[in-house]
All heavy atoms as atom14 arrays in JSON, in Angstrom:
{
  "sequence": "TYYADSVKGRFTISRDNAKNTMYLQMNGLKPE",
  "atom14_mask": [
    [1, 1, 1, 1, 1, 1, 1, 0, 0, 0, 0, 0, 0, 0],
    [1, 1, 1, 1, 1, 1, 1, 1, 1, 1, 1, 1, 0, 0],
    [1, 1, 1, 1, 1, 1, 1, 1, 1, 1, 1, 1, 0, 0],
    [1, 1, 1, 1, 1, 0, 0, 0, 0, 0, 0, 0, 0, 0],
    [1, 1, 1, 1, 1, 1, 1, 1, 0, 0, 0, 0, 0, 0],
    [1, 1, 1, 1, 1, 1, 0, 0, 0, 0, 0, 0, 0, 0],
    [1, 1, 1, 1, 1, 1, 1, 0, 0, 0, 0, 0, 0, 0],
    [1, 1, 1, 1, 1, 1, 1, 1, 1, 0, 0, 0, 0, 0],
    [1, 1, 1, 1, 0, 0, 0, 0, 0, 0, 0, 0, 0, 0],
    [1, 1, 1, 1, 1, 1, 1, 1, 1, 1, 1, 0, 0, 0],
    [1, 1, 1, 1, 1, 1, 1, 1, 1, 1, 1, 0, 0, 0],
    [1, 1, 1, 1, 1, 1, 1, 0, 0, 0, 0, 0, 0, 0],
    [1, 1, 1, 1, 1, 1, 1, 1, 0, 0, 0, 0, 0, 0],
    [1, 1, 1, 1, 1, 1, 0, 0, 0, 0, 0, 0, 0, 0],
    [1, 1, 1, 1, 1, 1, 1, 1, 1, 1, 1, 0, 0, 0],
    [1, 1, 1, 1, 1, 1, 1, 1, 0, 0, 0, 0, 0, 0],
    [1, 1, 1, 1, 1, 1, 1, 1, 0, 0, 0, 0, 0, 0],
    [1, 1, 1, 1, 1, 0, 0, 0, 0, 0, 0, 0, 0, 0],
    [1, 1, 1, 1, 1, 1, 1, 1, 1, 0, 0, 0, 0, 0],
    [1, 1, 1, 1, 1, 1, 1, 1, 0, 0, 0, 0, 0, 0],
    [1, 1, 1, 1, 1, 1, 1, 0, 0, 0, 0, 0, 0, 0],
    [1, 1, 1, 1, 1, 1, 1, 1, 0, 0, 0, 0, 0, 0],
    [1, 1, 1, 1, 1, 1, 1, 1, 1, 1, 1, 1, 0, 0],
    [1, 1, 1, 1, 1, 1, 1, 1, 0, 0, 0, 0, 0, 0],
    [1, 1, 1, 1, 1, 1, 1, 1, 1, 0, 0, 0, 0, 0],
    [1, 1, 1, 1, 1, 1, 1, 1, 0, 0, 0, 0, 0, 0],
    [1, 1, 1, 1, 1, 1, 1, 1, 0, 0, 0, 0, 0, 0],
    [1, 1, 1, 1, 0, 0, 0, 0, 0, 0, 0, 0, 0, 0],
    [1, 1, 1, 1, 1, 1, 1, 1, 0, 0, 0, 0, 0, 0],
    [1, 1, 1, 1, 1, 1, 1, 1, 1, 0, 0, 0, 0, 0],
    [1, 1, 1, 1, 1, 1, 1, 0, 0, 0, 0, 0, 0, 0],
    [1, 1, 1, 1, 1, 1, 1, 1, 1, 0, 0, 0, 0, 0]
  ],
  "atom14_positions": [
    [[0.84, -1.2, 0.0], [0.0, 0.0, 0.0], [0.87, 1.24, 0.0], [2.06, 1.19, 0.34], [-0.93, 0.05, 1.23], [-0.13, 0.02, 2.42], [-1.9, -1.11, 1.25], [0.0, 0.0, 0.0], [0.0, 0.0, 0.0], [0.0, 0.0, 0.0], [0.0, 0.0, 0.0], [0.0, 0.0, 0.0], [0.0, 0.0, 0.0], [0.0, 0.0, 0.0]],
    [[0.25, 2.35, -0.36], [0.97, 3.62, -0.39], [-0.03, 4.73, -0.1], [-1.15, 4.69, -0.6], [1.63, 3.83, -1.75], [2.53, 5.03, -1.82], [3.74, 5.04, -1.14], [2.17, 6.15, -2.56], [4.56, 6.15, -1.19], [2.99, 7.26, -2.61], [4.18, 7.25, -1.93], [5.01, 8.34, -1.98], [0.0, 0.0, 0.0], [0.0, 0.0, 0.0]],
    [[0.4, 5.7, 0.72], [-0.52, 6.76, 1.14], [0.08, 8.14, 0.9], [1.3, 8.34, 0.98], [-0.81, 6.64, 2.64], [-1.56, 5.4, 3.03], [-0.89, 4.25, 3.41], [-2.95, 5.38, 3.04], [-1.57, 3.1, 3.78], [-3.65, 4.24, 3.42], [-2.95, 3.11, 3.79], [-3.64, 1.99, 4.16], [0.0, 0.0, 0.0], [0.0, 0.0, 0.0]],
    [[-0.8, 9.09, 0.66], [-0.38, 10.49, 0.66], [-0.05, 10.88, 2.1], [-0.67, 10.39, 3.05], [-1.5, 11.37, 0.12], [0.0, 0.0, 0.0], [0.0, 0.0, 0.0], [0.0, 0.0, 0.0], [0.0, 0.0, 0.0], [0.0, 0.0, 0.0], [0.0, 0.0, 0.0], [0.0, 0.0, 0.0], [0.0, 0.0, 0.0], [0.0, 0.0, 0.0]],
    [[0.91, 11.76, 2.26], [1.3, 12.18, 3.61], [0.13, 12.79, 4.38], [0.04, 12.65, 5.6], [2.44, 13.2, 3.52], [3.74, 12.57, 3.1], [3.88, 11.34, 3.2], [4.65, 13.32, 2.67], [0.0, 0.0, 0.0], [0.0, 0.0, 0.0], [0.0, 0.0, 0.0], [0.0, 0.0, 0.0], [0.0, 0.0, 0.0], [0.0, 0.0, 0.0]],
    [[-0.76, 13.43, 3.68], [-1.87, 14.13, 4.34], [-2.86, 13.18, 5.01], [-3.64, 13.61, 5.87], [-2.6, 15.01, 3.32], [-3.11, 14.22, 2.26], [0.0, 0.0, 0.0], [0.0, 0.0, 0.0], [0.0, 0.0, 0.0], [0.0, 0.0, 0.0], [0.0, 0.0, 0.0], [0.0, 0.0, 0.0], [0.0, 0.0, 0.0], [0.0, 0.0, 0.0]],
    [[-2.87, 11.91, 4.62], [-3.84, 10.96, 5.19], [-3.16, 9.82, 5.94], [-3.85, 9.01, 6.58], [-4.76, 10.37, 4.1], [-5.44, 11.5, 3.31], [-4.01, 9.43, 3.16], [0.0, 0.0, 0.0], [0.0, 0.0, 0.0], [0.0, 0.0, 0.0], [0.0, 0.0, 0.0], [0.0, 0.0, 0.0], [0.0, 0.0, 0.0], [0.0, 0.0, 0.0]],
    [[-1.85, 9.77, 5.89], [-1.12, 8.67, 6.53], [-1.42, 8.65, 8.03], [-1.38, 9.67, 8.7], [0.37, 8.85, 6.28], [1.2, 7.6, 6.43], [2.63, 7.85, 5.98], [2.72, 8.15, 4.51], [4.12, 8.34, 4.05], [0.0, 0.0, 0.0], [0.0, 0.0, 0.0], [0.0, 0.0, 0.0], [0.0, 0.0, 0.0], [0.0, 0.0, 0.0]],
    [[-1.76, 7.47, 8.53], [-2.08, 7.32, 9.95], [-3.55, 7.53, 10.27], [-4.01, 7.19, 11.36], [0.0, 0.0, 0.0], [0.0, 0.0, 0.0], [0.0, 0.0, 0.0], [0.0, 0.0, 0.0], [0.0, 0.0, 0.0], [0.0, 0.0, 0.0], [0.0, 0.0, 0.0], [0.0, 0.0, 0.0], [0.0, 0.0, 0.0], [0.0, 0.0, 0.0]],
    [[-4.3, 8.08, 9.32], [-5.74, 8.31, 9.54], [-6.6, 7.44, 8.61], [-7.67, 6.99, 9.01], [-6.09, 9.79, 9.29], [-5.39, 10.76, 10.22], [-5.94, 12.17, 10.04], [-5.72, 12.69, 8.69], [-6.7, 13.12, 7.9], [-7.96, 13.09, 8.3], [-6.41, 13.59, 6.69], [0.0, 0.0, 0.0], [0.0, 0.0, 0.0], [0.0, 0.0, 0.0]],
    [[-6.12, 7.23, 7.4], [-6.87, 6.45, 6.41], [-6.2, 5.09, 6.23], [-4.97, 4.97, 6.3], [-6.89, 7.16, 5.06], [-7.71, 8.43, 5.0], [-8.23, 9.01, 6.15], [-7.93, 9.05, 3.8], [-8.97, 10.18, 6.1], [-8.68, 10.21, 3.7], [-9.19, 10.78, 4.87], [0.0, 0.0, 0.0], [0.0, 0.0, 0.0], [0.0, 0.0, 0.0]],
    [[-7.03, 4.08, 5.94], [-6.52, 2.74, 5.66], [-7.19, 2.19, 4.41], [-8.43, 2.15, 4.34], [-6.79, 1.79, 6.83], [-6.18, 2.31, 8.02], [-6.21, 0.41, 6.54], [0.0, 0.0, 0.0], [0.0, 0.0, 0.0], [0.0, 0.0, 0.0], [0.0, 0.0, 0.0], [0.0, 0.0, 0.0], [0.0, 0.0, 0.0], [0.0, 0.0, 0.0]],
    [[-6.38, 1.8, 3.46], [-6.89, 1.2, 2.24], [-6.83, -0.31, 2.35], [-5.88, -0.85, 2.93], [-6.1, 1.71, 1.0], [-6.79, 1.3, -0.3], [-4.66, 1.24, 1.04], [-6.18, 1.98, -1.53], [0.0, 0.0, 0.0], [0.0, 0.0, 0.0], [0.0, 0.0, 0.0], [0.0, 0.0, 0.0], [0.0, 0.0, 0.0], [0.0, 0.0, 0.0]],
    [[-7.82, -0.98, 1.83], [-7.86, -2.44, 1.87], [-8.67, -2.95, 0.69], [-9.28, -2.15, -0.04], [-8.47, -2.93, 3.19], [-9.81, -2.5, 3.29], [0.0, 0.0, 0.0], [0.0, 0.0, 0.0], [0.0, 0.0, 0.0], [0.0, 0.0, 0.0], [0.0, 0.0, 0.0], [0.0, 0.0, 0.0], [0.0, 0.0, 0.0], [0.0, 0.0, 0.0]],
    [[-8.67, -4.25, 0.51], [-9.45, -4.84, -0.58], [-9.87, -6.24, -0.23], [-9.2, -6.92, 0.55], [-8.64, -4.82, -1.88], [-7.44, -5.73, -1.9], [-6.54, -5.45, -3.12], [-7.23, -5.67, -4.37], [-6.77, -5.23, -5.55], [-5.64, -4.55, -5.6], [-7.44, -5.48, -6.66], [0.0, 0.0, 0.0], [0.0, 0.0, 0.0], [0.0, 0.0, 0.0]],
    [[-10.98, -6.64, -0.82], [-11.47, -8.01, -0.71], [-11.5, -8.55, -2.13], [-12.41, -8.25, -2.9], [-12.87, -8.02, -0.09], [-13.42, -9.42, 0.13], [-12.97, -10.36, -0.59], [-14.27, -9.59, 0.98], [0.0, 0.0, 0.0], [0.0, 0.0, 0.0], [0.0, 0.0, 0.0], [0.0, 0.0, 0.0], [0.0, 0.0, 0.0], [0.0, 0.0, 0.0]],
    [[-10.47, -9.3, -2.48], [-10.33, -9.76, -3.86], [-11.46, -10.7, -4.27], [-11.84, -10.74, -5.45], [-8.98, -10.43, -4.06], [-7.83, -9.43, -3.98], [-8.03, -8.24, -4.19], [-6.64, -9.92, -3.67], [0.0, 0.0, 0.0], [0.0, 0.0, 0.0], [0.0, 0.0, 0.0], [0.0, 0.0, 0.0], [0.0, 0.0, 0.0], [0.0, 0.0, 0.0]],
    [[-12.01, -11.43, -3.32], [-13.11, -12.34, -3.64], [-14.36, -11.57, -4.06], [-15.18, -12.07, -4.83], [-13.42, -13.23, -2.44], [0.0, 0.0, 0.0], [0.0, 0.0, 0.0], [0.0, 0.0, 0.0], [0.0, 0.0, 0.0], [0.0, 0.0, 0.0], [0.0, 0.0, 0.0], [0.0, 0.0, 0.0], [0.0, 0.0, 0.0], [0.0, 0.0, 0.0]],
    [[-14.49, -10.35, -3.55], [-15.65, -9.51, -3.87], [-15.32, -8.43, -4.89], [-16.19, -7.62, -5.23], [-16.19, -8.85, -2.6], [-16.71, -9.83, -1.56], [-17.24, -9.08, -0.34], [-17.8, -10.05, 0.69], [-18.32, -9.34, 1.9], [0.0, 0.0, 0.0], [0.0, 0.0, 0.0], [0.0, 0.0, 0.0], [0.0, 0.0, 0.0], [0.0, 0.0, 0.0]],
    [[-14.09, -8.39, -5.37], [-13.66, -7.35, -6.3], [-14.01, -5.96, -5.76], [-14.49, -5.08, -6.49], [-14.31, -7.54, -7.68], [-13.55, -8.51, -8.55], [-12.45, -8.93, -8.22], [-14.13, -8.87, -9.67], [0.0, 0.0, 0.0], [0.0, 0.0, 0.0], [0.0, 0.0, 0.0], [0.0, 0.0, 0.0], [0.0, 0.0, 0.0], [0.0, 0.0, 0.0]],
    [[-13.74, -5.77, -4.49], [-14.1, -4.51, -3.84], [-12.91, -3.96, -3.07], [-12.2, -4.7, -2.4], [-15.29, -4.71, -2.89], [-16.41, -5.21, -3.63], [-15.69, -3.41, -2.23], [0.0, 0.0, 0.0], [0.0, 0.0, 0.0], [0.0, 0.0, 0.0], [0.0, 0.0, 0.0], [0.0, 0.0, 0.0], [0.0, 0.0, 0.0], [0.0, 0.0, 0.0]],
    [[-12.74, -2.66, -3.19], [-11.69, -1.94, -2.46], [-12.37, -1.02, -1.46], [-13.49, -0.55, -1.7], [-10.85, -1.12, -3.44], [-9.81, -0.23, -2.79], [-8.84, 0.69, -4.0], [-10.05, 1.78, -4.72], [0.0, 0.0, 0.0], [0.0, 0.0, 0.0], [0.0, 0.0, 0.0], [0.0, 0.0, 0.0], [0.0, 0.0, 0.0], [0.0, 0.0, 0.0]],
    [[-11.69, -0.77, -0.35], [-12.25, 0.06, 0.71], [-11.28, 1.17, 1.09], [-10.06, 1.05, 0.91], [-12.55, -0.79, 1.94], [-13.44, -1.96, 1.67], [-12.91, -3.23, 1.46], [-14.82, -1.81, 1.61], [-13.72, -4.32, 1.2], [-15.65, -2.89, 1.34], [-15.09, -4.14, 1.14], [-15.91, -5.22, 0.89], [0.0, 0.0, 0.0], [0.0, 0.0, 0.0]],
    [[-11.84, 2.23, 1.66], [-11.03, 3.27, 2.27], [-11.66, 3.63, 3.61], [-12.72, 4.25, 3.64], [-10.93, 4.51, 1.38], [-9.99, 5.6, 1.9], [-8.53, 5.11, 1.84], [-10.13, 6.89, 1.1], [0.0, 0.0, 0.0], [0.0, 0.0, 0.0], [0.0, 0.0, 0.0], [0.0, 0.0, 0.0], [0.0, 0.0, 0.0], [0.0, 0.0, 0.0]],
    [[-11.03, 3.18, 4.68], [-11.5, 3.52, 6.01], [-10.88, 4.85, 6.39], [-9.65, 4.98, 6.42], [-11.09, 2.44, 7.02], [-11.49, 2.74, 8.45], [-12.99, 2.76, 8.65], [-13.69, 1.88, 8.16], [-13.48, 3.73, 9.4], [0.0, 0.0, 0.0], [0.0, 0.0, 0.0], [0.0, 0.0, 0.0], [0.0, 0.0, 0.0], [0.0, 0.0, 0.0]],
    [[-11.72, 5.83, 6.66], [-11.26, 7.18, 6.96], [-11.62, 7.52, 8.4], [-12.8, 7.62, 8.73], [-11.89, 8.18, 5.99], [-11.66, 7.84, 4.53], [-12.27, 9.1, 3.41], [-14.02, 8.98, 3.71], [0.0, 0.0, 0.0], [0.0, 0.0, 0.0], [0.0, 0.0, 0.0], [0.0, 0.0, 0.0], [0.0, 0.0, 0.0], [0.0, 0.0, 0.0]],
    [[-10.61, 7.68, 9.23], [-10.8, 8.05, 10.63], [-10.2, 9.42, 10.88], [-9.36, 9.89, 10.12], [-10.12, 7.02, 11.53], [-10.7, 5.63, 11.38], [-11.88, 5.45, 11.11], [-9.85, 4.62, 11.57], [0.0, 0.0, 0.0], [0.0, 0.0, 0.0], [0.0, 0.0, 0.0], [0.0, 0.0, 0.0], [0.0, 0.0, 0.0], [0.0, 0.0, 0.0]],
    [[-10.63, 10.04, 11.96], [-10.09, 11.35, 12.29], [-10.28, 12.37, 11.18], [-9.38, 13.16, 10.89], [0.0, 0.0, 0.0], [0.0, 0.0, 0.0], [0.0, 0.0, 0.0], [0.0, 0.0, 0.0], [0.0, 0.0, 0.0], [0.0, 0.0, 0.0], [0.0, 0.0, 0.0], [0.0, 0.0, 0.0], [0.0, 0.0, 0.0], [0.0, 0.0, 0.0]],
    [[-11.46, 12.37, 10.59], [-11.7, 13.24, 9.43], [-11.61, 14.71, 9.8], [-12.0, 15.12, 10.92], [-13.05, 12.92, 8.82], [-13.07, 11.64, 7.97], [-14.48, 11.14, 7.75], [-12.37, 11.89, 6.64], [0.0, 0.0, 0.0], [0.0, 0.0, 0.0], [0.0, 0.0, 0.0], [0.0, 0.0, 0.0], [0.0, 0.0, 0.0], [0.0, 0.0, 0.0]],
    [[-11.09, 15.48, 8.87], [-10.91, 16.92, 9.04], [-11.7, 17.65, 7.95], [-11.94, 17.09, 6.88], [-9.43, 17.27, 8.91], [-8.52, 16.51, 9.84], [-7.06, 16.84, 9.55], [-6.12, 16.07, 10.45], [-4.7, 16.38, 10.16], [0.0, 0.0, 0.0], [0.0, 0.0, 0.0], [0.0, 0.0, 0.0], [0.0, 0.0, 0.0], [0.0, 0.0, 0.0]],
    [[-12.06, 18.9, 8.18], [-12.77, 19.66, 7.14], [-12.02, 19.68, 5.82], [-12.65, 19.68, 4.76], [-12.88, 21.04, 7.76], [-12.94, 20.8, 9.22], [-12.0, 19.66, 9.45], [0.0, 0.0, 0.0], [0.0, 0.0, 0.0], [0.0, 0.0, 0.0], [0.0, 0.0, 0.0], [0.0, 0.0, 0.0], [0.0, 0.0, 0.0], [0.0, 0.0, 0.0]],
    [[-10.7, 19.68, 5.87], [-9.91, 19.69, 4.64], [-9.96, 18.37, 3.88], [-9.44, 18.28, 2.77], [-8.45, 20.09, 4.92], [-7.8, 19.29, 6.01], [-7.83, 20.01, 7.36], [-8.9, 20.57, 7.71], [-6.79, 20.0, 8.06], [0.0, 0.0, 0.0], [0.0, 0.0, 0.0], [0.0, 0.0, 0.0], [0.0, 0.0, 0.0], [0.0, 0.0, 0.0]]
  ]
}
């Protein structure tokens, strides 16, 4: 995986290959 510095530590990317689905868990969201 690879993240932009602005989201590192707050966002997590993952995927379920069996479902052909990718996810983005976003925590600690900011107005920006």
